[in-house]
Protein backbone atom coordinates (compact mmCIF):
# COMPACT_ATOMS: atom_id res chain seq x y z
CA MET A 1 123.39 35.85 24.18
CA CYS A 2 123.71 34.92 21.20
CA GLY A 3 120.98 33.31 18.88
CA ILE A 4 117.38 32.25 19.42
CA ILE A 5 115.16 30.10 17.17
CA GLY A 6 111.65 28.75 17.81
CA TYR A 7 108.91 26.98 15.83
CA ILE A 8 105.33 25.86 16.25
CA GLY A 9 103.29 24.29 13.47
CA PRO A 10 102.33 21.16 11.64
CA ARG A 11 106.00 20.14 10.66
CA SER A 12 108.63 18.40 12.70
CA ALA A 13 110.34 21.12 14.69
CA ALA A 14 113.81 19.63 15.04
CA PRO A 15 114.96 20.17 11.41
CA ILE A 16 113.64 23.72 11.42
CA LEU A 17 115.47 24.49 14.70
CA ILE A 18 118.79 23.00 13.53
CA SER A 19 118.67 24.88 10.20
CA GLY A 20 117.79 28.09 12.07
CA LEU A 21 120.74 27.52 14.38
CA LYS A 22 123.02 27.05 11.38
CA ARG A 23 121.93 30.42 10.08
CA LEU A 24 122.79 31.95 13.46
CA GLU A 25 126.27 30.40 13.68
CA TYR A 26 127.77 33.57 12.11
CA ARG A 27 126.98 35.57 15.29
CA GLY A 28 129.62 33.60 17.16
CA TYR A 29 128.84 31.01 19.89
CA ASP A 30 130.38 28.38 22.22
CA SER A 31 127.50 25.92 22.67
CA ALA A 32 124.08 25.06 21.22
CA GLY A 33 120.93 23.31 22.28
CA VAL A 34 117.28 22.60 21.52
CA ALA A 35 114.18 21.81 23.57
CA LEU A 36 111.18 19.92 21.99
CA VAL A 37 107.77 19.39 23.36
CA SER A 38 106.16 16.03 22.37
CA ARG A 39 103.28 14.21 23.96
CA ARG A 40 103.36 16.66 26.90
CA ALA A 41 107.01 15.82 27.57
CA LEU A 42 109.98 18.05 27.27
CA ARG A 43 113.20 16.74 25.71
CA VAL A 44 116.35 18.80 25.84
CA TYR A 45 119.61 18.24 23.99
CA LYS A 46 122.56 20.59 24.30
CA LYS A 47 126.32 20.49 23.74
CA GLU A 48 129.34 22.72 24.28
CA GLY A 49 131.18 23.52 21.08
CA LYS A 50 130.00 23.79 17.45
CA LEU A 51 126.58 22.88 16.22
CA ALA A 52 127.92 19.66 14.61
CA LYS A 53 128.46 18.21 18.13
CA LEU A 54 124.82 18.84 19.01
CA GLN A 55 123.66 17.34 15.72
CA ALA A 56 125.73 14.18 16.42
CA ALA A 57 124.02 13.86 19.84
CA LEU A 58 120.44 14.02 18.56
CA PRO A 59 118.38 10.85 18.08
CA LYS A 60 117.75 9.85 14.46
CA ARG A 61 113.94 9.95 15.06
CA LEU A 62 112.96 13.05 16.95
CA GLY A 63 109.37 13.98 17.40
CA GLY A 64 107.74 17.26 18.47
CA LYS A 65 106.10 20.07 16.45
CA ILE A 66 107.06 22.77 18.91
CA GLY A 67 110.44 23.70 20.12
CA ILE A 68 113.10 26.27 20.79
CA GLY A 69 116.80 26.40 20.20
CA HIS A 70 119.82 28.59 21.08
CA THR A 71 123.46 29.22 20.26
CA ARG A 72 125.18 30.63 23.39
CA TRP A 73 128.01 33.02 23.68
CA ALA A 74 129.15 32.82 27.35
CA THR A 75 128.45 35.56 29.77
CA HIS A 76 127.54 33.87 33.07
CA GLY A 77 129.57 30.63 33.33
CA ALA A 78 132.22 29.13 31.18
CA PRO A 79 131.18 27.18 28.00
CA SER A 80 129.92 23.73 29.01
CA ASP A 81 127.06 21.24 28.39
CA ALA A 82 125.41 22.30 31.61
CA ASN A 83 125.68 26.07 30.95
CA ALA A 84 124.35 25.69 27.37
CA HIS A 85 120.81 26.71 26.63
CA PRO A 86 117.93 25.78 26.80
CA HIS A 87 117.59 25.89 30.56
CA VAL A 88 114.92 23.81 32.36
CA SER A 89 112.96 24.35 35.58
CA ALA A 90 113.46 21.89 38.51
CA ASP A 91 110.16 20.05 37.71
CA GLY A 92 111.27 19.52 34.08
CA SER A 93 108.20 21.29 32.66
CA ILE A 94 109.59 24.74 31.54
CA ALA A 95 112.41 25.40 29.01
CA VAL A 96 113.82 28.82 28.40
CA VAL A 97 116.27 30.35 25.80
CA HIS A 98 117.58 33.81 26.57
CA ASN A 99 119.71 36.57 25.21
CA GLY A 100 120.72 39.30 27.57
CA ILE A 101 121.88 39.61 31.21
CA VAL A 102 119.89 39.36 34.42
CA GLU A 103 121.55 42.07 36.43
CA ASN A 104 120.03 40.98 39.73
CA ALA A 105 120.98 37.32 39.17
CA THR A 106 122.89 36.95 42.47
CA GLU A 107 119.94 38.29 44.52
CA LEU A 108 117.40 35.99 42.73
CA ARG A 109 119.65 33.00 42.84
CA GLU A 110 120.12 33.28 46.61
CA ARG A 111 116.36 33.71 47.07
CA LEU A 112 115.56 30.57 45.04
CA ALA A 113 118.25 28.63 46.87
CA THR A 114 116.62 29.43 50.22
CA GLU A 115 113.35 28.15 48.76
CA GLY A 116 114.96 24.78 48.02
CA VAL A 117 115.84 25.19 44.35
CA THR A 118 119.02 23.31 43.31
CA PHE A 119 120.78 24.88 40.40
CA VAL A 120 122.56 22.78 37.76
CA SER A 121 124.33 25.64 35.90
CA GLU A 122 126.23 28.80 36.60
CA THR A 123 124.03 30.85 34.26
CA ASP A 124 121.59 33.64 34.92
CA THR A 125 119.10 32.13 32.42
CA GLU A 126 118.36 29.14 34.60
CA ILE A 127 116.96 31.56 37.15
CA ILE A 128 114.25 32.58 34.66
CA ALA A 129 113.24 28.99 34.09
CA HIS A 130 112.73 28.42 37.83
CA LEU A 131 110.89 31.71 38.25
CA VAL A 132 108.48 30.91 35.51
CA ALA A 133 107.76 27.46 36.96
CA ARG A 134 107.06 28.92 40.38
CA ALA A 135 105.12 31.98 39.40
CA ASP A 136 101.32 32.39 39.91
CA GLY A 137 98.98 32.31 36.90
CA GLU A 138 96.72 29.98 35.03
CA SER A 139 98.45 30.48 31.67
CA LEU A 140 102.13 30.23 30.54
CA GLU A 141 101.87 33.87 29.51
CA GLN A 142 100.79 34.97 32.95
CA ARG A 143 103.69 33.04 34.56
CA VAL A 144 106.20 34.50 32.24
CA ARG A 145 104.90 37.97 32.96
CA GLY A 146 105.13 37.25 36.69
CA ALA A 147 108.63 35.89 36.47
CA LEU A 148 109.88 38.86 34.28
CA ALA A 149 108.42 41.30 36.87
CA LEU A 150 111.20 40.16 39.22
CA VAL A 151 113.96 40.34 36.67
CA ARG A 152 116.18 43.50 36.32
CA GLY A 153 118.22 43.57 33.16
CA THR A 154 118.03 42.92 29.44
CA TYR A 155 116.35 39.86 27.77
CA GLY A 156 115.02 38.43 24.63
CA ILE A 157 113.43 35.10 25.65
CA ALA A 158 111.37 32.29 24.31
CA VAL A 159 109.62 29.85 26.67
CA VAL A 160 107.87 26.50 26.18
CA ASP A 161 105.90 24.41 28.74
CA ALA A 162 105.36 20.70 28.42
CA ARG A 163 101.91 21.17 30.06
CA ALA A 164 100.92 23.75 27.40
CA PRO A 165 102.12 22.23 24.13
CA ASP A 166 100.19 24.56 21.93
CA ARG A 167 102.11 27.83 22.37
CA ILE A 168 105.45 29.61 22.70
CA VAL A 169 105.66 32.72 24.82
CA VAL A 170 108.36 35.31 23.88
CA ALA A 171 109.29 38.65 25.44
CA ARG A 172 111.76 41.45 24.91
CA ASN A 173 113.63 44.06 26.79
CA GLY A 174 116.75 45.32 25.23
CA SER A 175 117.53 42.24 23.09
CA PRO A 176 115.89 41.55 19.67
CA VAL A 177 112.90 39.23 19.32
CA ILE A 178 111.46 38.80 15.78
CA ILE A 179 108.28 36.80 15.00
CA GLY A 180 107.93 35.08 11.65
CA LEU A 181 104.55 34.53 10.17
CA GLY A 182 103.77 31.38 8.15
CA GLU A 183 100.71 29.37 6.92
CA HIS A 184 99.33 27.74 10.01
CA GLU A 185 102.84 27.93 11.60
CA MET A 186 104.87 30.56 13.47
CA PHE A 187 108.54 31.21 13.96
CA VAL A 188 110.58 33.25 16.37
CA ALA A 189 114.30 34.29 16.25
CA SER A 190 116.72 36.88 17.36
CA ASP A 191 117.81 37.49 13.76
CA VAL A 192 115.95 37.47 10.42
CA ALA A 193 118.73 35.32 8.98
CA ALA A 194 117.06 32.33 10.73
CA LEU A 195 113.63 33.12 9.32
CA VAL A 196 114.05 33.93 5.68
CA ARG A 197 114.21 30.45 4.57
CA HIS A 198 110.66 29.91 5.74
CA THR A 199 109.02 33.45 5.64
CA ARG A 200 109.72 36.99 4.89
CA GLN A 201 106.81 38.37 6.77
CA VAL A 202 108.06 39.46 10.29
CA VAL A 203 107.01 41.41 13.28
CA HIS A 204 109.56 43.02 15.51
CA LEU A 205 108.77 43.08 19.28
CA ASP A 206 109.56 46.34 21.11
CA ASP A 207 110.90 46.61 24.62
CA GLY A 208 108.37 45.68 27.33
CA GLU A 209 106.29 43.46 25.05
CA ILE A 210 105.22 39.85 25.41
CA ALA A 211 103.71 37.69 22.63
CA VAL A 212 102.04 34.37 22.50
CA LEU A 213 102.59 32.25 19.40
CA ASP A 214 100.33 29.36 18.27
CA THR A 215 99.52 27.72 14.97
CA GLY A 216 96.72 30.35 14.39
CA GLY A 217 99.02 33.35 14.73
CA PHE A 218 100.17 35.59 17.62
CA HIS A 219 98.89 38.29 20.02
CA THR A 220 101.04 40.85 21.67
CA THR A 221 100.59 42.72 25.02
CA THR A 222 102.69 44.96 27.32
CA MET A 223 103.94 43.86 30.63
CA ASP A 224 100.81 45.39 32.21
CA GLU A 225 98.55 43.36 29.87
CA ARG A 226 97.54 46.06 27.43
CA PRO A 227 96.87 44.62 23.92
CA ILE A 228 99.10 45.95 21.15
CA ALA A 229 98.40 45.78 17.48
CA LYS A 230 101.52 44.87 15.39
CA SER A 231 101.68 44.96 11.58
CA PRO A 232 104.09 42.64 9.69
CA SER A 233 106.83 44.02 7.48
CA THR A 234 108.61 42.30 4.58
CA VAL A 235 112.30 41.37 4.89
CA GLU A 236 114.08 42.79 1.90
CA TRP A 237 116.80 40.03 1.75
CA GLU A 238 116.11 36.57 0.36
CA ASP A 239 117.57 33.30 1.69
CA GLY A 240 120.17 33.08 -1.10
CA ALA A 241 121.70 36.28 0.17
CA TYR A 242 123.06 34.34 3.18
CA GLU A 243 125.03 31.84 0.99
CA ARG A 244 128.84 32.12 0.50
CA GLY A 245 128.46 32.00 -3.31
CA GLY A 246 131.51 29.78 -4.07
CA HIS A 247 133.90 31.65 -1.73
CA ALA A 248 135.87 29.76 0.91
CA HIS A 249 134.68 32.20 3.63
CA TYR A 250 131.81 34.67 4.11
CA MET A 251 134.44 37.35 4.81
CA ARG A 252 136.04 36.95 1.41
CA LYS A 253 132.64 37.04 -0.31
CA GLU A 254 131.65 40.16 1.67
CA ILE A 255 134.96 41.84 0.74
CA PHE A 256 134.22 41.15 -2.96
CA ASP A 257 130.64 42.24 -2.58
CA GLN A 258 131.79 45.84 -1.89
CA PRO A 259 131.74 47.31 -5.41
CA GLU A 260 128.06 46.23 -5.83
CA ALA A 261 127.23 47.10 -2.19
CA VAL A 262 128.59 50.66 -2.54
CA ALA A 263 126.74 51.14 -5.79
CA ARG A 264 123.63 50.05 -4.03
CA THR A 265 124.19 52.47 -1.23
CA LEU A 266 124.63 55.33 -3.69
CA SER A 267 121.75 54.29 -5.95
CA GLY A 268 119.05 56.96 -6.31
CA ARG A 269 120.77 59.21 -3.80
CA LEU A 270 122.92 61.39 -6.00
CA ASP A 271 121.34 64.64 -7.31
CA HIS A 272 123.29 65.80 -10.33
CA HIS A 273 121.04 68.80 -10.85
CA PHE A 274 121.59 70.51 -7.49
CA HIS A 275 124.97 68.64 -6.84
CA THR A 276 123.67 67.20 -3.53
CA ALA A 277 122.36 64.04 -1.96
CA HIS A 278 118.79 62.86 -1.77
CA LEU A 279 118.28 61.68 1.81
CA GLY A 280 114.63 61.91 2.53
CA GLY A 281 114.88 59.49 5.41
CA LEU A 282 116.65 62.04 7.50
CA ASN A 283 113.34 63.78 8.26
CA LEU A 284 115.16 67.22 8.29
CA ASP A 285 114.04 70.06 6.28
CA PRO A 286 116.46 72.82 4.99
CA ARG A 287 115.78 75.12 7.93
CA GLU A 288 116.56 72.40 10.43
CA LEU A 289 119.74 71.58 8.49
CA LEU A 290 120.83 75.17 9.00
CA ASP A 291 120.21 74.94 12.71
CA VAL A 292 122.72 72.16 13.20
CA LYS A 293 125.84 73.56 14.82
CA ARG A 294 127.82 70.37 15.39
CA VAL A 295 127.67 66.60 14.74
CA LYS A 296 128.46 63.81 17.14
CA LEU A 297 128.89 60.25 15.79
CA LEU A 298 128.48 57.24 17.97
CA GLY A 299 129.39 53.63 17.42
CA CYS A 300 131.26 50.52 18.65
CA GLY A 301 134.29 48.82 17.13
CA SER A 302 134.36 49.34 13.31
CA ALA A 303 131.30 51.55 13.51
CA TYR A 304 133.23 53.88 15.84
CA TYR A 305 136.17 53.98 13.38
CA ALA A 306 133.82 54.72 10.60
CA GLY A 307 132.52 57.60 12.78
CA LEU A 308 136.02 58.96 13.15
CA ALA A 309 136.44 59.00 9.42
CA GLY A 310 132.99 60.57 9.00
CA ALA A 311 133.76 63.29 11.55
CA HIS A 312 136.74 64.34 9.55
CA LEU A 313 134.72 64.23 6.34
CA ILE A 314 131.89 66.33 7.84
CA GLU A 315 134.24 68.97 9.28
CA SER A 316 136.07 69.19 6.02
CA LEU A 317 132.95 69.61 3.87
CA VAL A 318 130.35 71.21 6.14
CA ARG A 319 132.77 73.37 8.23
CA ILE A 320 131.06 72.64 11.54
CA PRO A 321 132.59 70.81 14.47
CA ALA A 322 132.25 67.08 14.32
CA SER A 323 133.52 64.32 16.49
CA ALA A 324 133.14 60.53 17.21
CA GLU A 325 132.97 58.69 20.44
CA PRO A 326 132.55 55.08 21.52
CA ALA A 327 128.81 54.69 22.32
CA ALA A 328 129.31 53.03 25.67
CA GLU A 329 131.64 55.77 26.89
CA PHE A 330 129.26 58.38 25.74
CA ARG A 331 126.35 56.82 27.54
CA TYR A 332 128.04 56.44 30.84
CA ARG A 333 129.68 59.82 31.17
CA ASN A 334 126.45 61.75 31.75
CA PRO A 335 126.79 63.59 28.47
CA VAL A 336 125.56 67.14 27.82
CA ILE A 337 122.87 66.83 25.10
CA GLU A 338 122.48 69.99 22.95
CA ARG A 339 119.52 70.84 20.77
CA ASP A 340 121.66 72.22 17.99
CA THR A 341 123.86 69.03 17.82
CA LEU A 342 122.98 66.26 15.40
CA TYR A 343 123.79 62.86 16.87
CA VAL A 344 124.37 60.02 14.46
CA ALA A 345 124.31 56.36 15.60
CA ILE A 346 126.18 53.80 13.39
CA SER A 347 125.37 50.15 13.66
CA GLN A 348 125.42 47.39 11.01
CA SER A 349 122.98 45.22 12.93
CA GLY A 350 120.94 47.97 14.39
CA GLU A 351 120.94 46.01 17.67
CA THR A 352 124.24 46.91 19.25
CA ILE A 353 123.18 47.41 22.88
CA ASP A 354 125.60 50.12 23.84
CA THR A 355 124.71 52.13 20.75
CA LEU A 356 120.98 51.57 21.25
CA MET A 357 121.22 52.74 24.82
CA ALA A 358 123.19 55.79 23.69
CA VAL A 359 120.38 56.67 21.25
CA GLN A 360 117.86 56.33 24.02
CA GLU A 361 119.95 58.53 26.31
CA VAL A 362 120.02 61.25 23.63
CA ARG A 363 116.32 61.06 22.89
CA GLN A 364 115.18 61.16 26.44
CA SER A 365 117.16 64.26 26.87
CA GLY A 366 115.53 65.94 23.86
CA GLY A 367 118.34 65.47 21.34
CA ARG A 368 117.77 64.53 17.67
CA VAL A 369 119.36 61.21 16.49
CA LEU A 370 119.97 59.83 13.07
CA GLY A 371 120.78 56.19 12.43
CA VAL A 372 123.14 54.73 9.87
CA VAL A 373 122.17 50.99 9.98
CA ASN A 374 122.11 48.05 7.62
CA VAL A 375 119.15 46.04 8.99
CA VAL A 376 115.72 47.43 8.09
CA GLY A 377 113.37 47.24 11.12
CA SER A 378 116.10 46.79 13.59
CA SER A 379 115.94 48.36 17.12
CA ILE A 380 118.08 51.39 16.34
CA ALA A 381 116.29 51.93 12.95
CA ARG A 382 112.84 52.06 14.87
CA GLU A 383 114.26 54.22 17.73
CA VAL A 384 115.94 57.06 15.81
CA ASP A 385 114.28 60.18 14.37
CA GLY A 386 115.43 59.40 10.90
CA GLY A 387 118.52 58.03 9.10
CA ILE A 388 120.25 56.28 6.17
CA TYR A 389 120.00 52.59 5.42
CA MET A 390 123.28 51.19 4.14
CA HIS A 391 121.71 48.65 1.77
CA ALA A 392 124.97 46.63 2.04
CA GLY A 393 123.09 43.29 2.04
CA PRO A 394 123.48 40.64 4.72
CA GLU A 395 126.84 40.59 6.42
CA VAL A 396 127.48 37.13 7.96
CA SER A 397 131.23 37.16 8.82
CA VAL A 398 131.92 38.52 12.39
CA ALA A 399 134.48 40.90 10.97
CA SER A 400 132.66 43.79 9.33
CA THR A 401 133.82 44.65 5.84
CA LYS A 402 131.13 45.77 3.33
CA ALA A 403 128.97 47.25 6.17
CA TYR A 404 131.94 49.33 7.35
CA THR A 405 132.67 50.56 3.86
CA CYS A 406 129.00 51.34 3.17
CA SER A 407 128.73 53.22 6.40
CA LEU A 408 131.58 55.44 5.24
CA VAL A 409 129.62 56.13 2.01
CA CYS A 410 126.52 56.92 3.91
CA LEU A 411 128.47 59.41 6.00
CA ALA A 412 129.88 60.95 2.85
CA LEU A 413 126.29 61.39 1.51
CA LEU A 414 125.31 62.98 4.74
CA ALA A 415 128.31 65.37 4.64
CA LEU A 416 127.36 66.25 1.06
CA HIS A 417 123.76 66.81 2.02
CA LEU A 418 124.67 69.01 4.96
CA GLY A 419 127.36 70.87 3.11
CA ARG A 420 125.17 71.81 0.20
CA ALA A 421 122.59 73.20 2.57
CA ARG A 422 125.24 75.42 3.95
CA ASP A 423 128.48 76.65 2.30
CA LEU A 424 129.58 73.82 0.04
CA SER A 425 129.67 75.20 -3.50
CA PRO A 426 127.93 73.53 -6.49
CA GLU A 427 131.36 72.86 -8.04
CA GLN A 428 132.53 71.15 -4.89
CA GLY A 429 129.32 69.16 -4.79
CA ARG A 430 129.78 68.13 -8.47
CA ARG A 431 133.38 66.98 -7.77
CA LEU A 432 132.38 64.97 -4.75
CA ILE A 433 129.41 63.25 -6.62
CA ASP A 434 131.83 62.37 -9.51
CA ALA A 435 134.24 60.90 -6.97
CA MET A 436 131.52 58.89 -5.38
CA GLU A 437 130.42 57.48 -8.61
CA ARG A 438 133.97 56.27 -9.17
CA LEU A 439 134.12 54.45 -5.87
CA PRO A 440 132.85 51.04 -7.03
CA ALA A 441 135.47 50.98 -9.83
CA GLY A 442 138.18 52.03 -7.37
CA ILE A 443 137.20 49.18 -5.08
CA GLU A 444 137.27 46.76 -8.04
CA ALA A 445 140.83 47.94 -8.81
CA ALA A 446 141.91 47.39 -5.16
CA LEU A 447 140.40 43.90 -5.19
CA ALA A 448 142.20 43.03 -8.44
CA ALA A 449 145.49 43.12 -6.47
CA GLU A 450 144.53 40.13 -4.21
CA SER A 451 147.35 37.91 -5.27
CA HIS A 452 149.87 40.71 -4.35
CA LEU A 453 148.20 41.27 -1.06
CA GLU A 454 148.23 37.59 -0.33
CA ALA A 455 152.02 37.44 -0.98
CA ILE A 456 152.61 40.30 1.42
CA ALA A 457 150.37 38.71 4.02
CA ARG A 458 152.26 35.41 3.85
CA ARG A 459 155.48 37.32 4.28
CA TYR A 460 154.30 38.98 7.47
CA ALA A 461 151.77 36.46 8.90
CA ASP A 462 154.28 35.16 11.47
CA SER A 463 154.86 38.62 13.04
CA ARG A 464 154.04 38.70 16.72
CA SER A 465 152.76 42.34 16.45
CA ALA A 466 152.15 45.07 13.97
CA PHE A 467 151.66 48.86 13.97
CA TYR A 468 149.28 50.79 11.75
CA ILE A 469 149.74 54.56 11.40
CA GLY A 470 148.25 57.47 9.50
CA ARG A 471 147.65 61.17 9.63
CA GLY A 472 144.39 62.99 9.33
CA PRO A 473 141.90 60.76 7.51
CA GLY A 474 144.67 58.15 7.32
CA PHE A 475 144.40 57.59 11.05
CA PRO A 476 140.84 55.95 10.87
CA ILE A 477 142.24 53.86 8.00
CA ALA A 478 144.94 52.67 10.37
CA LEU A 479 142.49 52.01 13.18
CA GLU A 480 140.21 49.80 11.06
CA GLY A 481 143.17 48.02 9.46
CA ALA A 482 144.57 47.09 12.88
CA GLN A 483 141.12 46.02 14.00
CA LYS A 484 140.73 43.60 11.15
CA LEU A 485 144.16 42.02 11.61
CA LYS A 486 143.79 41.49 15.32
CA GLU A 487 140.23 40.17 15.30
CA ILE A 488 140.65 37.46 12.72
CA SER A 489 144.41 36.60 12.69
CA TYR A 490 144.98 37.17 16.44
CA ILE A 491 148.16 39.09 15.60
CA HIS A 492 148.48 41.93 18.14
CA ALA A 493 148.02 45.15 16.29
CA GLU A 494 148.04 48.77 17.42
CA ALA A 495 147.01 51.90 15.51
CA TYR A 496 148.33 55.40 16.23
CA PRO A 497 148.28 58.83 14.59
CA ALA A 498 151.57 58.98 12.77
CA SER A 499 152.39 62.16 14.74
CA GLU A 500 152.25 60.15 17.97
CA LEU A 501 155.10 57.81 17.06
CA LYS A 502 157.73 59.94 18.86
CA HIS A 503 155.52 60.06 21.98
CA GLY A 504 156.02 56.46 23.02
CA PRO A 505 155.24 53.88 20.46
CA LEU A 506 158.62 54.37 18.61
CA ALA A 507 160.27 52.47 21.51
CA LEU A 508 158.76 49.24 20.17
CA ILE A 509 159.72 49.59 16.55
CA GLY A 510 162.25 46.97 15.39
CA PRO A 511 162.95 44.44 12.62
CA ASP A 512 160.36 41.90 13.78
CA ILE A 513 157.39 44.42 13.95
CA PRO A 514 155.98 45.60 10.50
CA THR A 515 154.38 49.00 10.29
CA VAL A 516 151.51 49.56 7.93
CA ILE A 517 151.49 53.34 6.87
CA ALA A 518 148.56 54.98 5.21
CA LEU A 519 150.01 57.35 2.68
CA PRO A 520 147.33 58.99 0.66
CA HIS A 521 148.59 61.76 -1.68
CA ASP A 522 147.08 64.56 0.32
CA ALA A 523 148.42 67.73 1.90
CA LEU A 524 149.99 65.72 4.72
CA LEU A 525 152.00 63.32 2.44
CA ASP A 526 155.37 64.95 3.18
CA LYS A 527 154.86 64.67 6.90
CA SER A 528 153.67 61.07 6.48
CA ILE A 529 156.82 60.18 4.57
CA ALA A 530 158.88 61.61 7.45
CA SER A 531 157.07 59.25 9.74
CA LEU A 532 158.01 56.36 7.34
CA GLU A 533 161.62 57.42 7.64
CA GLU A 534 161.42 57.32 11.50
CA VAL A 535 160.36 53.72 11.29
CA ARG A 536 163.04 52.88 8.65
CA ALA A 537 165.68 54.43 10.92
CA ARG A 538 164.86 51.83 13.59
CA SER A 539 165.01 48.87 11.12
CA GLY A 540 161.23 48.53 11.06
CA PRO A 541 159.73 46.84 8.01
CA VAL A 542 157.24 49.24 6.23
CA ILE A 543 154.11 48.31 4.26
CA ALA A 544 153.03 51.42 2.49
CA LEU A 545 149.31 51.87 1.55
CA THR A 546 149.33 54.62 -1.09
CA HIS A 547 148.40 56.00 -4.47
CA PRO A 548 150.49 55.51 -7.55
CA GLY A 549 152.98 58.18 -8.82
CA ASP A 550 155.25 59.18 -5.96
CA GLY A 551 158.76 57.77 -6.46
CA ARG A 552 159.82 58.74 -2.97
CA ILE A 553 157.87 55.86 -1.50
CA ALA A 554 159.07 53.04 -3.77
CA GLY A 555 162.59 53.09 -2.48
CA ARG A 556 161.61 53.45 1.24
CA ALA A 557 158.96 50.77 1.76
CA ASP A 558 159.47 47.02 2.02
CA ALA A 559 156.11 46.38 0.37
CA ILE A 560 153.75 48.72 -1.40
CA ILE A 561 150.00 48.45 -1.78
CA GLU A 562 148.60 50.92 -4.34
CA VAL A 563 145.00 51.94 -4.85
CA PRO A 564 143.43 54.41 -7.20
CA PRO A 565 143.32 58.00 -6.03
CA SER A 566 140.08 59.78 -5.01
CA GLU A 567 138.92 63.01 -3.48
CA ASP A 568 140.93 63.36 -0.26
CA VAL A 569 137.99 63.10 2.01
CA LEU A 570 136.87 59.81 0.36
CA ASN A 571 140.32 58.12 0.68
CA PRO A 572 139.27 55.94 3.63
CA VAL A 573 136.55 54.26 1.56
CA VAL A 574 138.89 52.64 -1.05
CA MET A 575 142.08 52.50 1.07
CA GLY A 576 140.37 50.27 3.74
CA VAL A 577 139.60 47.57 1.27
CA PRO A 578 143.18 46.16 0.70
CA LEU A 579 143.70 46.10 4.45
CA GLN A 580 140.73 43.80 4.80
CA LEU A 581 142.29 41.41 2.25
CA PHE A 582 145.59 41.67 3.93
CA ALA A 583 144.09 40.66 7.25
CA TYR A 584 142.10 37.93 5.60
CA HIS A 585 145.14 36.29 4.03
CA CYS A 586 147.19 36.64 7.21
CA ALA A 587 144.39 34.72 9.03
CA LEU A 588 144.23 32.20 6.18
CA ALA A 589 148.01 31.61 6.34
CA LEU A 590 147.66 30.98 10.11
CA GLY A 591 144.76 28.58 9.81
CA ARG A 592 142.32 30.74 11.80
CA ASP A 593 138.60 30.49 11.99
CA ILE A 594 138.06 33.56 9.81
CA ASP A 595 134.28 33.90 9.89
CA GLN A 596 133.92 33.10 13.64
CA PRO A 597 136.99 34.36 15.42
CA ARG A 598 137.36 33.30 18.98
CA ASN A 599 135.67 35.21 21.79
CA LEU A 600 133.78 37.46 19.46
CA ALA A 601 130.12 37.79 18.42
CA LYS A 602 128.67 39.46 15.39
CA SER A 603 126.00 41.46 17.17
CA VAL A 604 126.84 42.50 20.71
CA THR A 605 123.47 42.59 22.49
CA VAL A 606 124.77 42.58 26.05
CA GLU A 607 126.93 45.08 27.87
């Protein structure tokens, strides 16, 4: 993985490929390259490192009206010029870009080596290029189909052939491929971000599909050559949505987008008459809602932490068992799928491979799955039985902020909807709706304290490690806060339930390790203050994240971050925001690459 772009049409391909790769930089990558077909010759340029190095290596005059490009995030083989995509067949005619993993790479590599193929990279993708070149078939499409029949694993690929300079062949199995439709020109990418500058009309390939693109359009077939009719959809986001808007980093922009994003998530979904939520996309009638006996939430990273907060919220409001689990762990433990359990998959991109595979595991066993996703038309959105779109807008920074917050709001809407169909009273529903409508203002108030948060961050940015703790709904707040700090500042951070301090972690508390404590003014506040005292007794610096009005905290914390109060179950929505800014300013003080932290990718489409 990580990003694919391709173009065929009347214009010079190189500038379109480079601008597309720029749009894909946010996904995280370690090398980049392009392949261009001109006068039945294939020219390939690729470089380890950032896209600027590739641009510097390109000739000033570069012909070719068909080409493919890629930003790579290393899986097989370390980052290097040789391992960068595109990869080329031994005869120099075929070029391939690929997201995914060839699981039988060792077997295929050994087979090709015995047939006399000399490899120039350590990658699994190079295998595909050689297989296509050596496959039987009169057309490039037939040869790609023959090569993929030998491949076991996941792929989203684009292939060009110098001997067939009038087409691009693309295929998908487990990794996104999106076709963009233009006037006498066609585009392909792994992410709509690379397409919206040129077109908003797109077609999403499904697993097991192959498409041929030329200047007249495209046609799609299955692996066994059955034609498939595909209708285009319109991308809801415009090109300007992917700009930083005057902010130094995408992450800061997206943190400050949150009041508007949350308002958008709530828009049209709050029913003041019946004190519930309008969620027609669930595709569940009232009788089916009553049949739900438990809820299981699935996600990876921040989506999993949102699921933990959502599980607490659902149990509190709906009074049925709810739990969250990492999607990959769920998938591989041979889970028991129950007909009366509602499964909810959470993913910003809608392409997270472990979450997608968990969805497929549930569905093939007869379970019902809902999706909470941000990207319309994404793989998970198309795979689930129903769901809720976040409407957070494009999220470019690798570290999730507004999508995390909007996913919490979506889960609150789901809890309200389920609760009102069962035992949640109209008065409780009214109070929750009122609290939801105050969320954008609460987030605005939290953001207004940025200078205070920056001062705290500068004070603690040199810490070698940090603890985050909380009780009840405060624990997911701690988990997500620690996640943000570690992923963009590289400060080691651990999150624990506050009740677990005495069961091991307390041994590490000392003057050089700050502890961030989530202290909402809920029924557990007294116990949480007792945990604060345990840290202070070991000379540990304390950063208290709390609501105004409790004088006991002021004299016990080394730094205080205050946010407006809300309904107890909604505290994770607003209380997570200042921890995003705290992490951002720690990373800024340390000079980190905030939007593209090392070793990480925005959308994890390989296992």
